[in-house]
Amino acid sequence: PHDHNLQQEYLATLIRLQRYKDVVIYAD
């Protein structure tokens, strides 16, 4: 759950999917 690389790629993928609310929720 705390793997930095996977976290960042997950965020990048959410951005590409235009799931902006999910980006904010997961980043927080």
mmCIF file of all heavy atoms, coordinates in Angstrom:
data_MODEL
# 
_entry.id   MODEL 
# 
loop_
_atom_site.group_PDB 
_atom_site.id 
_atom_site.type_symbol 
_atom_site.label_atom_id 
_atom_site.label_alt_id 
_atom_site.label_comp_id 
_atom_site.label_asym_id 
_atom_site.label_entity_id 
_atom_site.label_seq_id 
_atom_site.pdbx_PDB_ins_code 
_atom_site.Cartn_x 
_atom_site.Cartn_y 
_atom_site.Cartn_z 
_atom_site.occupancy 
_atom_site.B_iso_or_equiv 
_atom_site.pdbx_formal_charge 
_atom_site.auth_seq_id 
_atom_site.auth_comp_id 
_atom_site.auth_asym_id 
_atom_site.auth_atom_id 
_atom_site.pdbx_PDB_model_num 
ATOM 1   N N   . PRO A 1 1  ? 0.790   -1.237 0.000   1.00 0.00 ? 1  PRO A N   1 
ATOM 2   C CA  . PRO A 1 1  ? 0.000   0.000  0.000   1.00 0.00 ? 1  PRO A CA  1 
ATOM 3   C C   . PRO A 1 1  ? 0.820   1.284  0.000   1.00 0.00 ? 1  PRO A C   1 
ATOM 4   O O   . PRO A 1 1  ? 0.319   2.321  -0.428  1.00 0.00 ? 1  PRO A O   1 
ATOM 5   C CB  . PRO A 1 1  ? -0.816  -0.105 1.301   1.00 0.00 ? 1  PRO A CB  1 
ATOM 6   C CG  . PRO A 1 1  ? -0.818  -1.551 1.649   1.00 0.00 ? 1  PRO A CG  1 
ATOM 7   C CD  . PRO A 1 1  ? 0.479   -2.095 1.159   1.00 0.00 ? 1  PRO A CD  1 
ATOM 8   N N   . HIS A 1 2  ? 2.070   1.212  0.465   1.00 0.00 ? 2  HIS A N   1 
ATOM 9   C CA  . HIS A 1 2  ? 2.870   2.425  0.592   1.00 0.00 ? 2  HIS A CA  1 
ATOM 10  C C   . HIS A 1 2  ? 3.986   2.515  -0.451  1.00 0.00 ? 2  HIS A C   1 
ATOM 11  O O   . HIS A 1 2  ? 4.910   3.314  -0.300  1.00 0.00 ? 2  HIS A O   1 
ATOM 12  C CB  . HIS A 1 2  ? 3.472   2.503  2.000   1.00 0.00 ? 2  HIS A CB  1 
ATOM 13  C CG  . HIS A 1 2  ? 2.438   2.455  3.085   1.00 0.00 ? 2  HIS A CG  1 
ATOM 14  N ND1 . HIS A 1 2  ? 1.541   3.485  3.302   1.00 0.00 ? 2  HIS A ND1 1 
ATOM 15  C CD2 . HIS A 1 2  ? 2.136   1.494  3.996   1.00 0.00 ? 2  HIS A CD2 1 
ATOM 16  C CE1 . HIS A 1 2  ? 0.742   3.164  4.308   1.00 0.00 ? 2  HIS A CE1 1 
ATOM 17  N NE2 . HIS A 1 2  ? 1.064   1.962  4.735   1.00 0.00 ? 2  HIS A NE2 1 
ATOM 18  N N   . ASP A 1 3  ? 3.903   1.722  -1.503  1.00 0.00 ? 3  ASP A N   1 
ATOM 19  C CA  . ASP A 1 3  ? 4.915   1.772  -2.556  1.00 0.00 ? 3  ASP A CA  1 
ATOM 20  C C   . ASP A 1 3  ? 4.791   3.084  -3.328  1.00 0.00 ? 3  ASP A C   1 
ATOM 21  O O   . ASP A 1 3  ? 3.786   3.350  -3.976  1.00 0.00 ? 3  ASP A O   1 
ATOM 22  C CB  . ASP A 1 3  ? 4.728   0.583  -3.514  1.00 0.00 ? 3  ASP A CB  1 
ATOM 23  C CG  . ASP A 1 3  ? 5.815   0.501  -4.557  1.00 0.00 ? 3  ASP A CG  1 
ATOM 24  O OD1 . ASP A 1 3  ? 5.857   1.381  -5.448  1.00 0.00 ? 3  ASP A OD1 1 
ATOM 25  O OD2 . ASP A 1 3  ? 6.617   -0.440 -4.492  1.00 0.00 ? 3  ASP A OD2 1 
ATOM 26  N N   . HIS A 1 4  ? 5.815   3.907  -3.254  1.00 0.00 ? 4  HIS A N   1 
ATOM 27  C CA  . HIS A 1 4  ? 5.751   5.246  -3.841  1.00 0.00 ? 4  HIS A CA  1 
ATOM 28  C C   . HIS A 1 4  ? 5.548   5.210  -5.346  1.00 0.00 ? 4  HIS A C   1 
ATOM 29  O O   . HIS A 1 4  ? 4.809   6.033  -5.907  1.00 0.00 ? 4  HIS A O   1 
ATOM 30  C CB  . HIS A 1 4  ? 7.037   6.011  -3.541  1.00 0.00 ? 4  HIS A CB  1 
ATOM 31  C CG  . HIS A 1 4  ? 7.322   6.178  -2.080  1.00 0.00 ? 4  HIS A CG  1 
ATOM 32  N ND1 . HIS A 1 4  ? 8.463   6.790  -1.610  1.00 0.00 ? 4  HIS A ND1 1 
ATOM 33  C CD2 . HIS A 1 4  ? 6.621   5.818  -0.981  1.00 0.00 ? 4  HIS A CD2 1 
ATOM 34  C CE1 . HIS A 1 4  ? 8.457   6.794  -0.291  1.00 0.00 ? 4  HIS A CE1 1 
ATOM 35  N NE2 . HIS A 1 4  ? 7.346   6.203  0.118   1.00 0.00 ? 4  HIS A NE2 1 
ATOM 36  N N   . ASN A 1 5  ? 6.245   4.308  -6.012  1.00 0.00 ? 5  ASN A N   1 
ATOM 37  C CA  . ASN A 1 5  ? 6.169   4.246  -7.464  1.00 0.00 ? 5  ASN A CA  1 
ATOM 38  C C   . ASN A 1 5  ? 4.777   3.857  -7.942  1.00 0.00 ? 5  ASN A C   1 
ATOM 39  O O   . ASN A 1 5  ? 4.221   4.468  -8.857  1.00 0.00 ? 5  ASN A O   1 
ATOM 40  C CB  . ASN A 1 5  ? 7.201   3.241  -7.976  1.00 0.00 ? 5  ASN A CB  1 
ATOM 41  C CG  . ASN A 1 5  ? 8.589   3.561  -7.501  1.00 0.00 ? 5  ASN A CG  1 
ATOM 42  O OD1 . ASN A 1 5  ? 9.214   4.499  -7.965  1.00 0.00 ? 5  ASN A OD1 1 
ATOM 43  N ND2 . ASN A 1 5  ? 9.074   2.783  -6.548  1.00 0.00 ? 5  ASN A ND2 1 
ATOM 44  N N   . LEU A 1 6  ? 4.208   2.841  -7.311  1.00 0.00 ? 6  LEU A N   1 
ATOM 45  C CA  . LEU A 1 6  ? 2.861   2.421  -7.667  1.00 0.00 ? 6  LEU A CA  1 
ATOM 46  C C   . LEU A 1 6  ? 1.845   3.513  -7.342  1.00 0.00 ? 6  LEU A C   1 
ATOM 47  O O   . LEU A 1 6  ? 0.903   3.749  -8.110  1.00 0.00 ? 6  LEU A O   1 
ATOM 48  C CB  . LEU A 1 6  ? 2.498   1.132  -6.930  1.00 0.00 ? 6  LEU A CB  1 
ATOM 49  C CG  . LEU A 1 6  ? 3.243   -0.124 -7.386  1.00 0.00 ? 6  LEU A CG  1 
ATOM 50  C CD1 . LEU A 1 6  ? 3.007   -1.268 -6.406  1.00 0.00 ? 6  LEU A CD1 1 
ATOM 51  C CD2 . LEU A 1 6  ? 2.821   -0.531 -8.784  1.00 0.00 ? 6  LEU A CD2 1 
ATOM 52  N N   . GLN A 1 7  ? 2.021   4.185  -6.225  1.00 0.00 ? 7  GLN A N   1 
ATOM 53  C CA  . GLN A 1 7  ? 1.116   5.277  -5.858  1.00 0.00 ? 7  GLN A CA  1 
ATOM 54  C C   . GLN A 1 7  ? 1.093   6.354  -6.940  1.00 0.00 ? 7  GLN A C   1 
ATOM 55  O O   . GLN A 1 7  ? 0.030   6.825  -7.359  1.00 0.00 ? 7  GLN A O   1 
ATOM 56  C CB  . GLN A 1 7  ? 1.548   5.892  -4.530  1.00 0.00 ? 7  GLN A CB  1 
ATOM 57  C CG  . GLN A 1 7  ? 1.299   5.023  -3.315  1.00 0.00 ? 7  GLN A CG  1 
ATOM 58  C CD  . GLN A 1 7  ? 1.900   5.603  -2.056  1.00 0.00 ? 7  GLN A CD  1 
ATOM 59  O OE1 . GLN A 1 7  ? 2.793   6.468  -2.117  1.00 0.00 ? 7  GLN A OE1 1 
ATOM 60  N NE2 . GLN A 1 7  ? 1.433   5.151  -0.909  1.00 0.00 ? 7  GLN A NE2 1 
ATOM 61  N N   . GLN A 1 8  ? 2.266   6.736  -7.391  1.00 0.00 ? 8  GLN A N   1 
ATOM 62  C CA  . GLN A 1 8  ? 2.342   7.808  -8.380  1.00 0.00 ? 8  GLN A CA  1 
ATOM 63  C C   . GLN A 1 8  ? 1.785   7.394  -9.733  1.00 0.00 ? 8  GLN A C   1 
ATOM 64  O O   . GLN A 1 8  ? 1.102   8.184  -10.407 1.00 0.00 ? 8  GLN A O   1 
ATOM 65  C CB  . GLN A 1 8  ? 3.797   8.269  -8.516  1.00 0.00 ? 8  GLN A CB  1 
ATOM 66  C CG  . GLN A 1 8  ? 4.291   8.978  -7.260  1.00 0.00 ? 8  GLN A CG  1 
ATOM 67  C CD  . GLN A 1 8  ? 5.762   9.261  -7.310  1.00 0.00 ? 8  GLN A CD  1 
ATOM 68  O OE1 . GLN A 1 8  ? 6.205   10.128 -8.068  1.00 0.00 ? 8  GLN A OE1 1 
ATOM 69  N NE2 . GLN A 1 8  ? 6.545   8.552  -6.527  1.00 0.00 ? 8  GLN A NE2 1 
ATOM 70  N N   . GLU A 1 9  ? 2.063   6.163  -10.128 1.00 0.00 ? 9  GLU A N   1 
ATOM 71  C CA  . GLU A 1 9  ? 1.521   5.697  -11.400 1.00 0.00 ? 9  GLU A CA  1 
ATOM 72  C C   . GLU A 1 9  ? 0.001   5.542  -11.333 1.00 0.00 ? 9  GLU A C   1 
ATOM 73  O O   . GLU A 1 9  ? -0.704  5.772  -12.320 1.00 0.00 ? 9  GLU A O   1 
ATOM 74  C CB  . GLU A 1 9  ? 2.178   4.379  -11.799 1.00 0.00 ? 9  GLU A CB  1 
ATOM 75  C CG  . GLU A 1 9  ? 3.645   4.519  -12.164 1.00 0.00 ? 9  GLU A CG  1 
ATOM 76  C CD  . GLU A 1 9  ? 3.882   5.557  -13.242 1.00 0.00 ? 9  GLU A CD  1 
ATOM 77  O OE1 . GLU A 1 9  ? 3.196   5.527  -14.275 1.00 0.00 ? 9  GLU A OE1 1 
ATOM 78  O OE2 . GLU A 1 9  ? 4.763   6.416  -13.034 1.00 0.00 ? 9  GLU A OE2 1 
ATOM 79  N N   . TYR A 1 10 ? -0.486  5.155  -10.185 1.00 0.00 ? 10 TYR A N   1 
ATOM 80  C CA  . TYR A 1 10 ? -1.935  5.067  -9.978  1.00 0.00 ? 10 TYR A CA  1 
ATOM 81  C C   . TYR A 1 10 ? -2.568  6.446  -10.151 1.00 0.00 ? 10 TYR A C   1 
ATOM 82  O O   . TYR A 1 10 ? -3.593  6.598  -10.837 1.00 0.00 ? 10 TYR A O   1 
ATOM 83  C CB  . TYR A 1 10 ? -2.210  4.522  -8.580  1.00 0.00 ? 10 TYR A CB  1 
ATOM 84  C CG  . TYR A 1 10 ? -3.651  4.169  -8.296  1.00 0.00 ? 10 TYR A CG  1 
ATOM 85  C CD1 . TYR A 1 10 ? -4.224  3.013  -8.815  1.00 0.00 ? 10 TYR A CD1 1 
ATOM 86  C CD2 . TYR A 1 10 ? -4.441  4.978  -7.484  1.00 0.00 ? 10 TYR A CD2 1 
ATOM 87  C CE1 . TYR A 1 10 ? -5.543  2.672  -8.533  1.00 0.00 ? 10 TYR A CE1 1 
ATOM 88  C CE2 . TYR A 1 10 ? -5.759  4.650  -7.199  1.00 0.00 ? 10 TYR A CE2 1 
ATOM 89  C CZ  . TYR A 1 10 ? -6.307  3.496  -7.729  1.00 0.00 ? 10 TYR A CZ  1 
ATOM 90  O OH  . TYR A 1 10 ? -7.607  3.173  -7.450  1.00 0.00 ? 10 TYR A OH  1 
ATOM 91  N N   . LEU A 1 11 ? -1.954  7.463  -9.554  1.00 0.00 ? 11 LEU A N   1 
ATOM 92  C CA  . LEU A 1 11 ? -2.448  8.830  -9.714  1.00 0.00 ? 11 LEU A CA  1 
ATOM 93  C C   . LEU A 1 11 ? -2.400  9.275  -11.172 1.00 0.00 ? 11 LEU A C   1 
ATOM 94  O O   . LEU A 1 11 ? -3.353  9.879  -11.683 1.00 0.00 ? 11 LEU A O   1 
ATOM 95  C CB  . LEU A 1 11 ? -1.626  9.795  -8.858  1.00 0.00 ? 11 LEU A CB  1 
ATOM 96  C CG  . LEU A 1 11 ? -1.881  9.769  -7.355  1.00 0.00 ? 11 LEU A CG  1 
ATOM 97  C CD1 . LEU A 1 11 ? -0.814  10.576 -6.627  1.00 0.00 ? 11 LEU A CD1 1 
ATOM 98  C CD2 . LEU A 1 11 ? -3.267  10.320 -7.029  1.00 0.00 ? 11 LEU A CD2 1 
ATOM 99  N N   . ALA A 1 12 ? -1.290  8.981  -11.838 1.00 0.00 ? 12 ALA A N   1 
ATOM 100 C CA  . ALA A 1 12 ? -1.153  9.377  -13.241 1.00 0.00 ? 12 ALA A CA  1 
ATOM 101 C C   . ALA A 1 12 ? -2.230  8.728  -14.108 1.00 0.00 ? 12 ALA A C   1 
ATOM 102 O O   . ALA A 1 12 ? -2.774  9.347  -15.032 1.00 0.00 ? 12 ALA A O   1 
ATOM 103 C CB  . ALA A 1 12 ? 0.236   8.997  -13.765 1.00 0.00 ? 12 ALA A CB  1 
ATOM 104 N N   . THR A 1 13 ? -2.553  7.473  -13.801 1.00 0.00 ? 13 THR A N   1 
ATOM 105 C CA  . THR A 1 13 ? -3.579  6.768  -14.571 1.00 0.00 ? 13 THR A CA  1 
ATOM 106 C C   . THR A 1 13 ? -4.967  7.343  -14.306 1.00 0.00 ? 13 THR A C   1 
ATOM 107 O O   . THR A 1 13 ? -5.775  7.510  -15.230 1.00 0.00 ? 13 THR A O   1 
ATOM 108 C CB  . THR A 1 13 ? -3.544  5.262  -14.244 1.00 0.00 ? 13 THR A CB  1 
ATOM 109 O OG1 . THR A 1 13 ? -2.206  4.769  -14.420 1.00 0.00 ? 13 THR A OG1 1 
ATOM 110 C CG2 . THR A 1 13 ? -4.479  4.489  -15.157 1.00 0.00 ? 13 THR A CG2 1 
ATOM 111 N N   . LEU A 1 14 ? -5.244  7.659  -13.048 1.00 0.00 ? 14 LEU A N   1 
ATOM 112 C CA  . LEU A 1 14 ? -6.521  8.310  -12.730 1.00 0.00 ? 14 LEU A CA  1 
ATOM 113 C C   . LEU A 1 14 ? -6.665  9.636  -13.479 1.00 0.00 ? 14 LEU A C   1 
ATOM 114 O O   . LEU A 1 14 ? -7.757  9.989  -13.950 1.00 0.00 ? 14 LEU A O   1 
ATOM 115 C CB  . LEU A 1 14 ? -6.626  8.558  -11.223 1.00 0.00 ? 14 LEU A CB  1 
ATOM 116 C CG  . LEU A 1 14 ? -6.862  7.334  -10.332 1.00 0.00 ? 14 LEU A CG  1 
ATOM 117 C CD1 . LEU A 1 14 ? -6.790  7.735  -8.863  1.00 0.00 ? 14 LEU A CD1 1 
ATOM 118 C CD2 . LEU A 1 14 ? -8.217  6.680  -10.633 1.00 0.00 ? 14 LEU A CD2 1 
ATOM 119 N N   . ILE A 1 15 ? -5.570  10.369 -13.585 1.00 0.00 ? 15 ILE A N   1 
ATOM 120 C CA  . ILE A 1 15 ? -5.618  11.636 -14.315 1.00 0.00 ? 15 ILE A CA  1 
ATOM 121 C C   . ILE A 1 15 ? -5.951  11.390 -15.781 1.00 0.00 ? 15 ILE A C   1 
ATOM 122 O O   . ILE A 1 15 ? -6.799  12.070 -16.370 1.00 0.00 ? 15 ILE A O   1 
ATOM 123 C CB  . ILE A 1 15 ? -4.284  12.398 -14.173 1.00 0.00 ? 15 ILE A CB  1 
ATOM 124 C CG1 . ILE A 1 15 ? -4.140  12.942 -12.747 1.00 0.00 ? 15 ILE A CG1 1 
ATOM 125 C CG2 . ILE A 1 15 ? -4.207  13.553 -15.180 1.00 0.00 ? 15 ILE A CG2 1 
ATOM 126 C CD1 . ILE A 1 15 ? -2.782  13.531 -12.441 1.00 0.00 ? 15 ILE A CD1 1 
ATOM 127 N N   . ARG A 1 16 ? -5.307  10.400 -16.380 1.00 0.00 ? 16 ARG A N   1 
ATOM 128 C CA  . ARG A 1 16 ? -5.601  10.092 -17.786 1.00 0.00 ? 16 ARG A CA  1 
ATOM 129 C C   . ARG A 1 16 ? -7.042  9.648  -17.985 1.00 0.00 ? 16 ARG A C   1 
ATOM 130 O O   . ARG A 1 16 ? -7.634  9.862  -19.043 1.00 0.00 ? 16 ARG A O   1 
ATOM 131 C CB  . ARG A 1 16 ? -4.646  9.012  -18.297 1.00 0.00 ? 16 ARG A CB  1 
ATOM 132 C CG  . ARG A 1 16 ? -3.259  9.550  -18.648 1.00 0.00 ? 16 ARG A CG  1 
ATOM 133 C CD  . ARG A 1 16 ? -3.337  10.511 -19.811 1.00 0.00 ? 16 ARG A CD  1 
ATOM 134 N NE  . ARG A 1 16 ? -2.047  10.983 -20.224 1.00 0.00 ? 16 ARG A NE  1 
ATOM 135 C CZ  . ARG A 1 16 ? -1.307  10.439 -21.183 1.00 0.00 ? 16 ARG A CZ  1 
ATOM 136 N NH1 . ARG A 1 16 ? -1.746  9.362  -21.816 1.00 0.00 ? 16 ARG A NH1 1 
ATOM 137 N NH2 . ARG A 1 16 ? -0.148  10.959 -21.500 1.00 0.00 ? 16 ARG A NH2 1 
ATOM 138 N N   . LEU A 1 17 ? -7.608  9.012  -16.974 1.00 0.00 ? 17 LEU A N   1 
ATOM 139 C CA  . LEU A 1 17 ? -9.003  8.584  -17.043 1.00 0.00 ? 17 LEU A CA  1 
ATOM 140 C C   . LEU A 1 17 ? -9.968  9.719  -16.676 1.00 0.00 ? 17 LEU A C   1 
ATOM 141 O O   . LEU A 1 17 ? -11.187 9.515  -16.671 1.00 0.00 ? 17 LEU A O   1 
ATOM 142 C CB  . LEU A 1 17 ? -9.230  7.395  -16.096 1.00 0.00 ? 17 LEU A CB  1 
ATOM 143 C CG  . LEU A 1 17 ? -8.590  6.074  -16.530 1.00 0.00 ? 17 LEU A CG  1 
ATOM 144 C CD1 . LEU A 1 17 ? -8.644  5.053  -15.402 1.00 0.00 ? 17 LEU A CD1 1 
ATOM 145 C CD2 . LEU A 1 17 ? -9.278  5.529  -17.779 1.00 0.00 ? 17 LEU A CD2 1 
ATOM 146 N N   . GLN A 1 18 ? -9.399  10.876 -16.369 1.00 0.00 ? 18 GLN A N   1 
ATOM 147 C CA  . GLN A 1 18 ? -10.178 12.068 -16.006 1.00 0.00 ? 18 GLN A CA  1 
ATOM 148 C C   . GLN A 1 18 ? -11.040 11.835 -14.765 1.00 0.00 ? 18 GLN A C   1 
ATOM 149 O O   . GLN A 1 18 ? -12.105 12.423 -14.614 1.00 0.00 ? 18 GLN A O   1 
ATOM 150 C CB  . GLN A 1 18 ? -11.040 12.535 -17.194 1.00 0.00 ? 18 GLN A CB  1 
ATOM 151 C CG  . GLN A 1 18 ? -10.210 12.917 -18.407 1.00 0.00 ? 18 GLN A CG  1 
ATOM 152 C CD  . GLN A 1 18 ? -11.039 13.392 -19.578 1.00 0.00 ? 18 GLN A CD  1 
ATOM 153 O OE1 . GLN A 1 18 ? -12.233 13.671 -19.450 1.00 0.00 ? 18 GLN A OE1 1 
ATOM 154 N NE2 . GLN A 1 18 ? -10.414 13.509 -20.734 1.00 0.00 ? 18 GLN A NE2 1 
ATOM 155 N N   . ARG A 1 19 ? -10.530 11.021 -13.868 1.00 0.00 ? 19 ARG A N   1 
ATOM 156 C CA  . ARG A 1 19 ? -11.209 10.763 -12.602 1.00 0.00 ? 19 ARG A CA  1 
ATOM 157 C C   . ARG A 1 19 ? -10.625 11.701 -11.547 1.00 0.00 ? 19 ARG A C   1 
ATOM 158 O O   . ARG A 1 19 ? -9.918  11.291 -10.626 1.00 0.00 ? 19 ARG A O   1 
ATOM 159 C CB  . ARG A 1 19 ? -11.058 9.288  -12.220 1.00 0.00 ? 19 ARG A CB  1 
ATOM 160 C CG  . ARG A 1 19 ? -11.868 8.369  -13.135 1.00 0.00 ? 19 ARG A CG  1 
ATOM 161 C CD  . ARG A 1 19 ? -11.576 6.897  -12.891 1.00 0.00 ? 19 ARG A CD  1 
ATOM 162 N NE  . ARG A 1 19 ? -11.709 6.513  -11.485 1.00 0.00 ? 19 ARG A NE  1 
ATOM 163 C CZ  . ARG A 1 19 ? -11.553 5.263  -11.040 1.00 0.00 ? 19 ARG A CZ  1 
ATOM 164 N NH1 . ARG A 1 19 ? -11.288 4.283  -11.914 1.00 0.00 ? 19 ARG A NH1 1 
ATOM 165 N NH2 . ARG A 1 19 ? -11.665 4.984  -9.765  1.00 0.00 ? 19 ARG A NH2 1 
ATOM 166 N N   . TYR A 1 20 ? -10.931 12.978 -11.710 1.00 0.00 ? 20 TYR A N   1 
ATOM 167 C CA  . TYR A 1 20 ? -10.247 14.005 -10.928 1.00 0.00 ? 20 TYR A CA  1 
ATOM 168 C C   . TYR A 1 20 ? -10.601 13.956 -9.442  1.00 0.00 ? 20 TYR A C   1 
ATOM 169 O O   . TYR A 1 20 ? -9.727  14.164 -8.589  1.00 0.00 ? 20 TYR A O   1 
ATOM 170 C CB  . TYR A 1 20 ? -10.537 15.377 -11.519 1.00 0.00 ? 20 TYR A CB  1 
ATOM 171 C CG  . TYR A 1 20 ? -10.138 15.488 -12.974 1.00 0.00 ? 20 TYR A CG  1 
ATOM 172 C CD1 . TYR A 1 20 ? -11.048 15.932 -13.945 1.00 0.00 ? 20 TYR A CD1 1 
ATOM 173 C CD2 . TYR A 1 20 ? -8.867  15.110 -13.385 1.00 0.00 ? 20 TYR A CD2 1 
ATOM 174 C CE1 . TYR A 1 20 ? -10.681 16.013 -15.277 1.00 0.00 ? 20 TYR A CE1 1 
ATOM 175 C CE2 . TYR A 1 20 ? -8.492  15.182 -14.724 1.00 0.00 ? 20 TYR A CE2 1 
ATOM 176 C CZ  . TYR A 1 20 ? -9.410  15.637 -15.662 1.00 0.00 ? 20 TYR A CZ  1 
ATOM 177 O OH  . TYR A 1 20 ? -9.048  15.709 -16.986 1.00 0.00 ? 20 TYR A OH  1 
ATOM 178 N N   . LYS A 1 21 ? -11.830 13.680 -9.116  1.00 0.00 ? 21 LYS A N   1 
ATOM 179 C CA  . LYS A 1 21 ? -12.197 13.571 -7.698  1.00 0.00 ? 21 LYS A CA  1 
ATOM 180 C C   . LYS A 1 21 ? -11.464 12.410 -7.042  1.00 0.00 ? 21 LYS A C   1 
ATOM 181 O O   . LYS A 1 21 ? -11.031 12.511 -5.880  1.00 0.00 ? 21 LYS A O   1 
ATOM 182 C CB  . LYS A 1 21 ? -13.715 13.410 -7.557  1.00 0.00 ? 21 LYS A CB  1 
ATOM 183 C CG  . LYS A 1 21 ? -14.513 14.648 -7.900  1.00 0.00 ? 21 LYS A CG  1 
ATOM 184 C CD  . LYS A 1 21 ? -16.002 14.419 -7.686  1.00 0.00 ? 21 LYS A CD  1 
ATOM 185 C CE  . LYS A 1 21 ? -16.799 15.706 -7.923  1.00 0.00 ? 21 LYS A CE  1 
ATOM 186 N NZ  . LYS A 1 21 ? -16.659 16.186 -9.322  1.00 0.00 ? 21 LYS A NZ  1 
ATOM 187 N N   . ASP A 1 22 ? -11.323 11.318 -7.771  1.00 0.00 ? 22 ASP A N   1 
ATOM 188 C CA  . ASP A 1 22 ? -10.597 10.166 -7.226  1.00 0.00 ? 22 ASP A CA  1 
ATOM 189 C C   . ASP A 1 22 ? -9.116  10.483 -7.037  1.00 0.00 ? 22 ASP A C   1 
ATOM 190 O O   . ASP A 1 22 ? -8.480  9.961  -6.110  1.00 0.00 ? 22 ASP A O   1 
ATOM 191 C CB  . ASP A 1 22 ? -10.754 8.960  -8.144  1.00 0.00 ? 22 ASP A CB  1 
ATOM 192 C CG  . ASP A 1 22 ? -12.170 8.390  -8.119  1.00 0.00 ? 22 ASP A CG  1 
ATOM 193 O OD1 . ASP A 1 22 ? -12.859 8.560  -7.095  1.00 0.00 ? 22 ASP A OD1 1 
ATOM 194 O OD2 . ASP A 1 22 ? -12.583 7.779  -9.124  1.00 0.00 ? 22 ASP A OD2 1 
ATOM 195 N N   . VAL A 1 23 ? -8.560  11.304 -7.913  1.00 0.00 ? 23 VAL A N   1 
ATOM 196 C CA  . VAL A 1 23 ? -7.168  11.725 -7.749  1.00 0.00 ? 23 VAL A CA  1 
ATOM 197 C C   . VAL A 1 23 ? -6.993  12.432 -6.412  1.00 0.00 ? 23 VAL A C   1 
ATOM 198 O O   . VAL A 1 23 ? -6.069  12.134 -5.636  1.00 0.00 ? 23 VAL A O   1 
ATOM 199 C CB  . VAL A 1 23 ? -6.722  12.659 -8.901  1.00 0.00 ? 23 VAL A CB  1 
ATOM 200 C CG1 . VAL A 1 23 ? -5.344  13.267 -8.595  1.00 0.00 ? 23 VAL A CG1 1 
ATOM 201 C CG2 . VAL A 1 23 ? -6.676  11.906 -10.222 1.00 0.00 ? 23 VAL A CG2 1 
ATOM 202 N N   . VAL A 1 24 ? -7.874  13.369 -6.135  1.00 0.00 ? 24 VAL A N   1 
ATOM 203 C CA  . VAL A 1 24 ? -7.778  14.144 -4.897  1.00 0.00 ? 24 VAL A CA  1 
ATOM 204 C C   . VAL A 1 24 ? -7.968  13.244 -3.676  1.00 0.00 ? 24 VAL A C   1 
ATOM 205 O O   . VAL A 1 24 ? -7.215  13.331 -2.693  1.00 0.00 ? 24 VAL A O   1 
ATOM 206 C CB  . VAL A 1 24 ? -8.811  15.284 -4.897  1.00 0.00 ? 24 VAL A CB  1 
ATOM 207 C CG1 . VAL A 1 24 ? -8.818  16.004 -3.545  1.00 0.00 ? 24 VAL A CG1 1 
ATOM 208 C CG2 . VAL A 1 24 ? -8.498  16.275 -6.024  1.00 0.00 ? 24 VAL A CG2 1 
ATOM 209 N N   . ILE A 1 25 ? -8.962  12.375 -3.731  1.00 0.00 ? 25 ILE A N   1 
ATOM 210 C CA  . ILE A 1 25 ? -9.234  11.478 -2.598  1.00 0.00 ? 25 ILE A CA  1 
ATOM 211 C C   . ILE A 1 25 ? -8.028  10.571 -2.326  1.00 0.00 ? 25 ILE A C   1 
ATOM 212 O O   . ILE A 1 25 ? -7.590  10.410 -1.175  1.00 0.00 ? 25 ILE A O   1 
ATOM 213 C CB  . ILE A 1 25 ? -10.494 10.632 -2.864  1.00 0.00 ? 25 ILE A CB  1 
ATOM 214 C CG1 . ILE A 1 25 ? -11.739 11.519 -2.833  1.00 0.00 ? 25 ILE A CG1 1 
ATOM 215 C CG2 . ILE A 1 25 ? -10.623 9.504  -1.833  1.00 0.00 ? 25 ILE A CG2 1 
ATOM 216 C CD1 . ILE A 1 25 ? -12.992 10.826 -3.342  1.00 0.00 ? 25 ILE A CD1 1 
ATOM 217 N N   . TYR A 1 26 ? -7.475  9.993  -3.390  1.00 0.00 ? 26 TYR A N   1 
ATOM 218 C CA  . TYR A 1 26 ? -6.356  9.077  -3.195  1.00 0.00 ? 26 TYR A CA  1 
ATOM 219 C C   . TYR A 1 26 ? -5.097  9.829  -2.758  1.00 0.00 ? 26 TYR A C   1 
ATOM 220 O O   . TYR A 1 26 ? -4.351  9.354  -1.881  1.00 0.00 ? 26 TYR A O   1 
ATOM 221 C CB  . TYR A 1 26 ? -6.075  8.287  -4.474  1.00 0.00 ? 26 TYR A CB  1 
ATOM 222 C CG  . TYR A 1 26 ? -4.994  7.256  -4.288  1.00 0.00 ? 26 TYR A CG  1 
ATOM 223 C CD1 . TYR A 1 26 ? -5.190  6.159  -3.455  1.00 0.00 ? 26 TYR A CD1 1 
ATOM 224 C CD2 . TYR A 1 26 ? -3.757  7.395  -4.911  1.00 0.00 ? 26 TYR A CD2 1 
ATOM 225 C CE1 . TYR A 1 26 ? -4.196  5.222  -3.251  1.00 0.00 ? 26 TYR A CE1 1 
ATOM 226 C CE2 . TYR A 1 26 ? -2.750  6.459  -4.710  1.00 0.00 ? 26 TYR A CE2 1 
ATOM 227 C CZ  . TYR A 1 26 ? -2.968  5.382  -3.882  1.00 0.00 ? 26 TYR A CZ  1 
ATOM 228 O OH  . TYR A 1 26 ? -1.976  4.466  -3.678  1.00 0.00 ? 26 TYR A OH  1 
ATOM 229 N N   . ALA A 1 27 ? -4.854  10.995 -3.334  1.00 0.00 ? 27 ALA A N   1 
ATOM 230 C CA  . ALA A 1 27 ? -3.679  11.781 -2.938  1.00 0.00 ? 27 ALA A CA  1 
ATOM 231 C C   . ALA A 1 27 ? -3.749  12.148 -1.462  1.00 0.00 ? 27 ALA A C   1 
ATOM 232 O O   . ALA A 1 27 ? -2.759  12.042 -0.729  1.00 0.00 ? 27 ALA A O   1 
ATOM 233 C CB  . ALA A 1 27 ? -3.562  13.031 -3.799  1.00 0.00 ? 27 ALA A CB  1 
ATOM 234 N N   . ASP A 1 28 ? -4.913  12.578 -1.012  1.00 0.00 ? 28 ASP A N   1 
ATOM 235 C CA  . ASP A 1 28 ? -5.074  12.916 0.407   1.00 0.00 ? 28 ASP A CA  1 
ATOM 236 C C   . ASP A 1 28 ? -4.857  11.683 1.289   1.00 0.00 ? 28 ASP A C   1 
ATOM 237 O O   . ASP A 1 28 ? -4.255  11.777 2.371   1.00 0.00 ? 28 ASP A O   1 
ATOM 238 C CB  . ASP A 1 28 ? -6.453  13.510 0.667   1.00 0.00 ? 28 ASP A CB  1 
ATOM 239 C CG  . ASP A 1 28 ? -6.573  14.948 0.190   1.00 0.00 ? 28 ASP A CG  1 
ATOM 240 O OD1 . ASP A 1 28 ? -5.527  15.612 0.002   1.00 0.00 ? 28 ASP A OD1 1 
ATOM 241 O OD2 . ASP A 1 28 ? -7.722  15.414 0.000   1.00 0.00 ? 28 ASP A OD2 1 
# 
